[in-house]
């Protein structure tokens, strides 16, 4: 069982930056690939980014490529999402998720085994 807790959401102006973090419980964090998803009001949850358990391989949704960076610190059991050049359409609840396949860069939410409670990111225009 893995418990995920997101933090760092908030209100930011368009063009600004924000970093959200996700802390995981347990001692096997590197065995999990981690992902970030988001859900805007009235829309389905969508994939944002994912990172392998080790090695640093990443994959991004086209909508955030070049603006967002996913990273992880396995010593701290934490995954981060650095968001730059934020747009109003980035407004959503951001969720982190853990996938038991350490090298599985999964873009589908069904591929993840554990989820956090989400953190709100609001971008004002």
N, C-alpha and C. Protein backbone atom coordinates (compact mmCIF):
# COMPACT_ATOMS: atom_id res chain seq x y z
N UNK A 1 0.84 -1.19 0.00
CA UNK A 1 0.00 0.00 0.00
C UNK A 1 0.88 1.24 0.00
N UNK A 2 0.55 2.19 -0.85
CA UNK A 2 1.29 3.45 -0.96
C UNK A 2 0.31 4.60 -0.71
N UNK A 3 0.70 5.51 0.15
CA UNK A 3 -0.12 6.69 0.40
C UNK A 3 0.57 7.88 -0.24
N UNK A 4 -0.21 8.65 -1.00
CA UNK A 4 0.33 9.79 -1.73
C UNK A 4 -0.34 11.06 -1.25
N UNK A 5 0.45 12.08 -0.98
CA UNK A 5 -0.07 13.35 -0.50
C UNK A 5 0.52 14.48 -1.32
N UNK A 6 -0.35 15.18 -2.05
CA UNK A 6 0.10 16.31 -2.86
C UNK A 6 0.14 17.59 -2.04
N UNK A 7 0.97 18.51 -2.48
CA UNK A 7 1.05 19.83 -1.86
C UNK A 7 1.55 20.83 -2.89
N UNK A 8 1.41 22.11 -2.57
CA UNK A 8 2.00 23.14 -3.39
C UNK A 8 1.07 23.82 -4.37
N UNK A 9 -0.18 23.40 -4.43
CA UNK A 9 -1.11 24.07 -5.32
C UNK A 9 -1.42 25.47 -4.84
N UNK A 10 -2.10 26.24 -5.69
CA UNK A 10 -2.47 27.58 -5.29
C UNK A 10 -2.93 28.40 -6.46
N UNK A 11 -2.94 29.71 -6.25
CA UNK A 11 -3.38 30.66 -7.26
C UNK A 11 -2.16 31.37 -7.84
N UNK A 12 -2.10 31.43 -9.16
CA UNK A 12 -0.97 32.08 -9.82
C UNK A 12 -1.49 32.80 -11.06
N UNK A 13 -0.82 33.86 -11.44
CA UNK A 13 -1.22 34.59 -12.63
C UNK A 13 -0.72 33.89 -13.89
N UNK A 14 -1.41 34.10 -14.97
CA UNK A 14 -0.99 33.54 -16.25
C UNK A 14 0.43 34.01 -16.56
N UNK A 15 1.23 33.06 -17.05
CA UNK A 15 2.63 33.35 -17.33
C UNK A 15 3.55 33.04 -16.17
N UNK A 16 2.96 32.79 -15.01
CA UNK A 16 3.75 32.51 -13.82
C UNK A 16 4.13 31.05 -13.69
N UNK A 17 4.73 30.73 -12.55
CA UNK A 17 5.22 29.38 -12.29
C UNK A 17 4.72 28.88 -10.95
N UNK A 18 4.67 27.57 -10.85
CA UNK A 18 4.25 26.92 -9.62
C UNK A 18 4.85 25.52 -9.60
N UNK A 19 5.21 25.05 -8.43
CA UNK A 19 5.69 23.68 -8.31
C UNK A 19 4.80 22.93 -7.33
N UNK A 20 4.29 21.81 -7.77
CA UNK A 20 3.53 20.93 -6.89
C UNK A 20 4.38 19.71 -6.58
N UNK A 21 4.16 19.16 -5.41
CA UNK A 21 4.93 18.01 -4.96
C UNK A 21 3.98 16.91 -4.49
N UNK A 22 4.50 15.70 -4.48
CA UNK A 22 3.72 14.55 -4.04
C UNK A 22 4.64 13.67 -3.20
N UNK A 23 4.33 13.54 -1.94
CA UNK A 23 5.12 12.72 -1.03
C UNK A 23 4.47 11.35 -0.89
N UNK A 24 5.30 10.32 -0.99
CA UNK A 24 4.80 8.95 -0.92
C UNK A 24 5.29 8.26 0.35
N UNK A 25 4.45 7.42 0.88
CA UNK A 25 4.85 6.61 2.04
C UNK A 25 5.57 5.37 1.54
N UNK A 26 6.22 4.65 2.45
CA UNK A 26 6.82 3.38 2.09
C UNK A 26 8.29 3.49 1.75
N UNK A 27 8.93 2.33 1.63
CA UNK A 27 10.37 2.27 1.41
C UNK A 27 10.74 1.76 0.03
N UNK A 28 9.74 1.62 -0.85
CA UNK A 28 10.01 1.07 -2.18
C UNK A 28 9.62 2.05 -3.27
N UNK A 29 9.80 3.31 -3.01
CA UNK A 29 9.35 4.36 -3.92
C UNK A 29 9.96 4.19 -5.30
N UNK A 30 11.21 3.79 -5.37
CA UNK A 30 11.85 3.69 -6.69
C UNK A 30 11.27 2.57 -7.54
N UNK A 31 10.49 1.71 -6.96
CA UNK A 31 9.86 0.62 -7.72
C UNK A 31 8.60 1.08 -8.45
N UNK A 32 8.22 2.34 -8.24
CA UNK A 32 7.01 2.86 -8.85
C UNK A 32 7.33 3.93 -9.87
N UNK A 33 6.77 3.79 -11.05
CA UNK A 33 6.70 4.94 -11.93
C UNK A 33 5.63 5.87 -11.39
N UNK A 34 5.84 7.16 -11.54
CA UNK A 34 4.91 8.14 -11.00
C UNK A 34 4.33 8.99 -12.13
N UNK A 35 3.10 9.37 -11.94
CA UNK A 35 2.45 10.21 -12.95
C UNK A 35 1.71 11.37 -12.32
N UNK A 36 1.52 12.38 -13.13
CA UNK A 36 0.65 13.51 -12.77
C UNK A 36 -0.51 13.56 -13.76
N UNK A 37 -1.68 13.71 -13.22
CA UNK A 37 -2.89 13.89 -14.01
C UNK A 37 -3.59 15.15 -13.51
N UNK A 38 -4.53 15.63 -14.29
CA UNK A 38 -5.30 16.80 -13.85
C UNK A 38 -6.74 16.67 -14.32
N UNK A 39 -7.61 17.34 -13.59
CA UNK A 39 -9.03 17.35 -13.95
C UNK A 39 -9.59 18.73 -13.74
N UNK A 40 -10.04 19.31 -14.83
CA UNK A 40 -10.68 20.62 -14.80
C UNK A 40 -12.18 20.45 -14.61
N UNK A 41 -12.86 21.47 -14.09
CA UNK A 41 -14.31 21.36 -13.88
C UNK A 41 -15.04 21.00 -15.16
N UNK A 42 -15.89 19.99 -15.08
CA UNK A 42 -16.68 19.58 -16.23
C UNK A 42 -15.94 18.78 -17.27
N UNK A 43 -14.68 18.45 -16.99
CA UNK A 43 -13.88 17.69 -17.96
C UNK A 43 -13.38 16.39 -17.34
N UNK A 44 -12.99 15.48 -18.21
CA UNK A 44 -12.43 14.22 -17.74
C UNK A 44 -10.99 14.43 -17.26
N UNK A 45 -10.57 13.52 -16.40
CA UNK A 45 -9.19 13.58 -15.94
C UNK A 45 -8.26 13.29 -17.11
N UNK A 46 -7.16 14.04 -17.21
CA UNK A 46 -6.24 13.85 -18.32
C UNK A 46 -4.81 13.70 -17.84
N UNK A 47 -4.05 13.00 -18.63
CA UNK A 47 -2.65 12.76 -18.35
C UNK A 47 -1.84 14.04 -18.53
N UNK A 48 -0.85 14.24 -17.65
CA UNK A 48 0.03 15.39 -17.76
C UNK A 48 1.47 14.95 -18.01
N UNK A 49 2.00 14.11 -17.12
CA UNK A 49 3.40 13.71 -17.23
C UNK A 49 3.64 12.46 -16.41
N UNK A 50 4.70 11.74 -16.77
CA UNK A 50 5.07 10.55 -16.02
C UNK A 50 6.59 10.40 -16.00
N UNK A 51 7.08 9.72 -14.96
CA UNK A 51 8.52 9.52 -14.82
C UNK A 51 8.76 8.10 -14.31
N UNK A 52 9.78 7.46 -14.84
CA UNK A 52 10.12 6.10 -14.43
C UNK A 52 10.66 6.09 -12.99
N UNK A 53 10.63 4.88 -12.40
CA UNK A 53 11.10 4.74 -11.03
C UNK A 53 12.58 5.05 -10.87
N UNK A 54 13.35 4.60 -11.82
CA UNK A 54 14.79 4.90 -11.85
C UNK A 54 15.17 5.24 -13.27
N UNK A 55 16.29 5.91 -13.40
CA UNK A 55 16.79 6.20 -14.74
C UNK A 55 16.35 7.53 -15.30
N UNK A 56 15.25 8.07 -14.81
CA UNK A 56 14.87 9.42 -15.21
C UNK A 56 14.06 9.57 -16.47
N UNK A 57 13.67 8.47 -17.11
CA UNK A 57 12.87 8.60 -18.34
C UNK A 57 11.55 9.29 -18.03
N UNK A 58 11.13 10.17 -18.93
CA UNK A 58 9.91 10.94 -18.73
C UNK A 58 9.09 10.98 -20.02
N UNK A 59 7.83 11.33 -19.85
CA UNK A 59 6.95 11.50 -21.01
C UNK A 59 5.90 12.53 -20.63
N UNK A 60 5.56 13.40 -21.61
CA UNK A 60 4.65 14.51 -21.34
C UNK A 60 3.50 14.54 -22.32
N UNK A 61 2.40 15.08 -21.85
CA UNK A 61 1.31 15.40 -22.76
C UNK A 61 1.75 16.56 -23.66
N UNK A 62 1.27 16.57 -24.88
CA UNK A 62 1.65 17.62 -25.82
C UNK A 62 1.29 19.00 -25.28
N UNK A 63 0.20 19.09 -24.54
CA UNK A 63 -0.28 20.38 -24.07
C UNK A 63 0.65 21.03 -23.05
N UNK A 64 1.53 20.25 -22.42
CA UNK A 64 2.42 20.81 -21.40
C UNK A 64 3.89 20.68 -21.77
N UNK A 65 4.19 20.02 -22.86
CA UNK A 65 5.58 19.78 -23.25
C UNK A 65 6.29 21.11 -23.45
N UNK A 66 7.48 21.23 -22.85
CA UNK A 66 8.24 22.46 -22.96
C UNK A 66 7.92 23.47 -21.88
N UNK A 67 6.82 23.26 -21.15
CA UNK A 67 6.44 24.18 -20.06
C UNK A 67 6.52 23.51 -18.70
N UNK A 68 6.19 22.23 -18.63
CA UNK A 68 6.18 21.50 -17.37
C UNK A 68 7.36 20.53 -17.33
N UNK A 69 7.86 20.30 -16.12
CA UNK A 69 8.95 19.34 -15.91
C UNK A 69 8.62 18.46 -14.72
N UNK A 70 8.62 17.15 -14.96
CA UNK A 70 8.42 16.21 -13.87
C UNK A 70 9.79 15.72 -13.40
N UNK A 71 9.93 15.57 -12.10
CA UNK A 71 11.19 15.07 -11.55
C UNK A 71 10.86 14.32 -10.26
N UNK A 72 11.85 13.60 -9.76
CA UNK A 72 11.63 12.87 -8.51
C UNK A 72 12.92 12.81 -7.71
N UNK A 73 12.75 12.70 -6.41
CA UNK A 73 13.87 12.51 -5.49
C UNK A 73 13.56 11.24 -4.72
N UNK A 74 14.18 10.14 -5.11
CA UNK A 74 13.87 8.86 -4.48
C UNK A 74 14.31 8.81 -3.02
N UNK A 75 15.30 9.59 -2.67
CA UNK A 75 15.75 9.63 -1.27
C UNK A 75 14.69 10.29 -0.38
N UNK A 76 13.88 11.16 -0.98
CA UNK A 76 12.83 11.86 -0.22
C UNK A 76 11.44 11.30 -0.51
N UNK A 77 11.37 10.25 -1.32
CA UNK A 77 10.07 9.67 -1.69
C UNK A 77 9.11 10.73 -2.23
N UNK A 78 9.62 11.59 -3.08
CA UNK A 78 8.82 12.71 -3.55
C UNK A 78 8.96 12.88 -5.06
N UNK A 79 7.85 13.18 -5.70
CA UNK A 79 7.84 13.53 -7.12
C UNK A 79 7.32 14.96 -7.24
N UNK A 80 7.88 15.68 -8.20
CA UNK A 80 7.56 17.08 -8.37
C UNK A 80 7.02 17.34 -9.78
N UNK A 81 6.26 18.40 -9.89
CA UNK A 81 5.85 18.90 -11.20
C UNK A 81 6.09 20.40 -11.19
N UNK A 82 7.11 20.82 -11.92
CA UNK A 82 7.41 22.23 -12.08
C UNK A 82 6.63 22.75 -13.27
N UNK A 83 5.80 23.76 -13.03
CA UNK A 83 4.94 24.28 -14.08
C UNK A 83 5.31 25.73 -14.36
N UNK A 84 5.76 25.98 -15.58
CA UNK A 84 6.14 27.33 -16.01
C UNK A 84 5.21 27.80 -17.12
N UNK A 85 5.24 29.09 -17.36
CA UNK A 85 4.42 29.69 -18.43
C UNK A 85 2.98 29.21 -18.33
N UNK A 86 2.44 29.29 -17.15
CA UNK A 86 1.10 28.76 -16.92
C UNK A 86 0.04 29.53 -17.68
N UNK A 87 -0.97 28.81 -18.12
CA UNK A 87 -2.09 29.37 -18.87
C UNK A 87 -3.37 29.11 -18.09
N UNK A 88 -4.40 29.87 -18.41
CA UNK A 88 -5.67 29.68 -17.72
C UNK A 88 -6.20 28.27 -17.92
N UNK A 89 -5.91 27.68 -19.06
CA UNK A 89 -6.39 26.32 -19.32
C UNK A 89 -5.65 25.26 -18.52
N UNK A 90 -4.63 25.64 -17.78
CA UNK A 90 -3.95 24.71 -16.87
C UNK A 90 -4.68 24.61 -15.53
N UNK A 91 -5.69 25.45 -15.33
CA UNK A 91 -6.46 25.40 -14.09
C UNK A 91 -7.14 24.05 -13.94
N UNK A 92 -6.88 23.38 -12.82
CA UNK A 92 -7.42 22.04 -12.59
C UNK A 92 -7.01 21.56 -11.21
N UNK A 93 -7.59 20.47 -10.81
CA UNK A 93 -7.07 19.73 -9.66
C UNK A 93 -6.01 18.78 -10.20
N UNK A 94 -4.83 18.83 -9.60
CA UNK A 94 -3.72 18.01 -10.05
C UNK A 94 -3.54 16.83 -9.08
N UNK A 95 -3.47 15.64 -9.66
CA UNK A 95 -3.35 14.40 -8.90
C UNK A 95 -2.03 13.72 -9.24
N UNK A 96 -1.38 13.17 -8.23
CA UNK A 96 -0.26 12.29 -8.52
C UNK A 96 -0.74 10.85 -8.35
N UNK A 97 -0.03 9.96 -9.04
CA UNK A 97 -0.42 8.56 -9.04
C UNK A 97 0.83 7.69 -9.13
N UNK A 98 0.74 6.49 -8.59
CA UNK A 98 1.86 5.55 -8.58
C UNK A 98 1.49 4.30 -9.35
N UNK A 99 2.43 3.86 -10.17
CA UNK A 99 2.27 2.68 -11.03
C UNK A 99 3.33 1.67 -10.62
N UNK A 100 2.89 0.45 -10.28
CA UNK A 100 3.83 -0.56 -9.77
C UNK A 100 4.86 -1.02 -10.79
N UNK A 101 4.68 -0.69 -12.03
CA UNK A 101 5.70 -0.98 -13.04
C UNK A 101 6.70 0.15 -13.10
N UNK A 102 7.90 -0.07 -12.57
CA UNK A 102 8.86 1.01 -12.39
C UNK A 102 9.27 1.67 -13.71
N UNK A 103 9.26 0.92 -14.80
CA UNK A 103 9.68 1.49 -16.09
C UNK A 103 8.51 1.70 -17.03
N UNK A 104 7.30 1.65 -16.50
CA UNK A 104 6.10 1.78 -17.32
C UNK A 104 5.66 3.22 -17.38
N UNK A 105 5.92 3.90 -18.47
CA UNK A 105 5.50 5.29 -18.64
C UNK A 105 4.08 5.30 -19.19
N UNK A 106 3.15 5.10 -18.29
CA UNK A 106 1.76 4.93 -18.66
C UNK A 106 1.04 6.27 -18.72
N UNK A 107 0.30 6.49 -19.79
CA UNK A 107 -0.44 7.74 -19.94
C UNK A 107 -1.92 7.58 -19.62
N UNK A 108 -2.33 6.38 -19.29
CA UNK A 108 -3.74 6.12 -19.00
C UNK A 108 -3.93 5.96 -17.50
N UNK A 109 -4.96 6.62 -16.96
CA UNK A 109 -5.14 6.58 -15.50
C UNK A 109 -5.45 5.17 -15.00
N UNK A 110 -6.00 4.35 -15.87
CA UNK A 110 -6.31 2.98 -15.46
C UNK A 110 -5.04 2.20 -15.15
N UNK A 111 -3.90 2.66 -15.62
CA UNK A 111 -2.65 1.97 -15.40
C UNK A 111 -1.98 2.26 -14.08
N UNK A 112 -2.60 3.08 -13.26
CA UNK A 112 -2.02 3.48 -11.98
C UNK A 112 -2.76 2.83 -10.83
N UNK A 113 -1.99 2.49 -9.81
CA UNK A 113 -2.52 1.70 -8.71
C UNK A 113 -2.91 2.53 -7.48
N UNK A 114 -2.25 3.64 -7.28
CA UNK A 114 -2.50 4.47 -6.10
C UNK A 114 -2.60 5.93 -6.54
N UNK A 115 -3.46 6.66 -5.82
CA UNK A 115 -3.73 8.06 -6.16
C UNK A 115 -3.70 8.92 -4.92
N UNK A 116 -3.27 10.17 -5.11
CA UNK A 116 -3.38 11.16 -4.05
C UNK A 116 -4.75 11.81 -4.06
N UNK A 117 -4.93 12.74 -3.13
CA UNK A 117 -6.25 13.38 -2.98
C UNK A 117 -6.39 14.59 -3.89
N UNK A 118 -5.30 15.05 -4.47
CA UNK A 118 -5.35 16.17 -5.40
C UNK A 118 -5.02 17.49 -4.75
N UNK A 119 -4.51 18.41 -5.56
CA UNK A 119 -4.24 19.77 -5.12
C UNK A 119 -4.70 20.73 -6.20
N UNK A 120 -5.38 21.80 -5.80
CA UNK A 120 -5.96 22.73 -6.75
C UNK A 120 -4.91 23.71 -7.26
N UNK A 121 -4.86 23.86 -8.58
CA UNK A 121 -4.04 24.87 -9.22
C UNK A 121 -4.97 25.77 -10.02
N UNK A 122 -4.94 27.05 -9.72
CA UNK A 122 -5.78 28.02 -10.40
C UNK A 122 -4.91 29.07 -11.04
N UNK A 123 -5.09 29.25 -12.34
CA UNK A 123 -4.31 30.24 -13.09
C UNK A 123 -5.26 31.36 -13.51
N UNK A 124 -4.98 32.55 -13.04
CA UNK A 124 -5.84 33.68 -13.37
C UNK A 124 -5.30 34.40 -14.60
N UNK A 125 -6.23 34.80 -15.45
CA UNK A 125 -5.81 35.46 -16.70
C UNK A 125 -5.87 36.98 -16.56
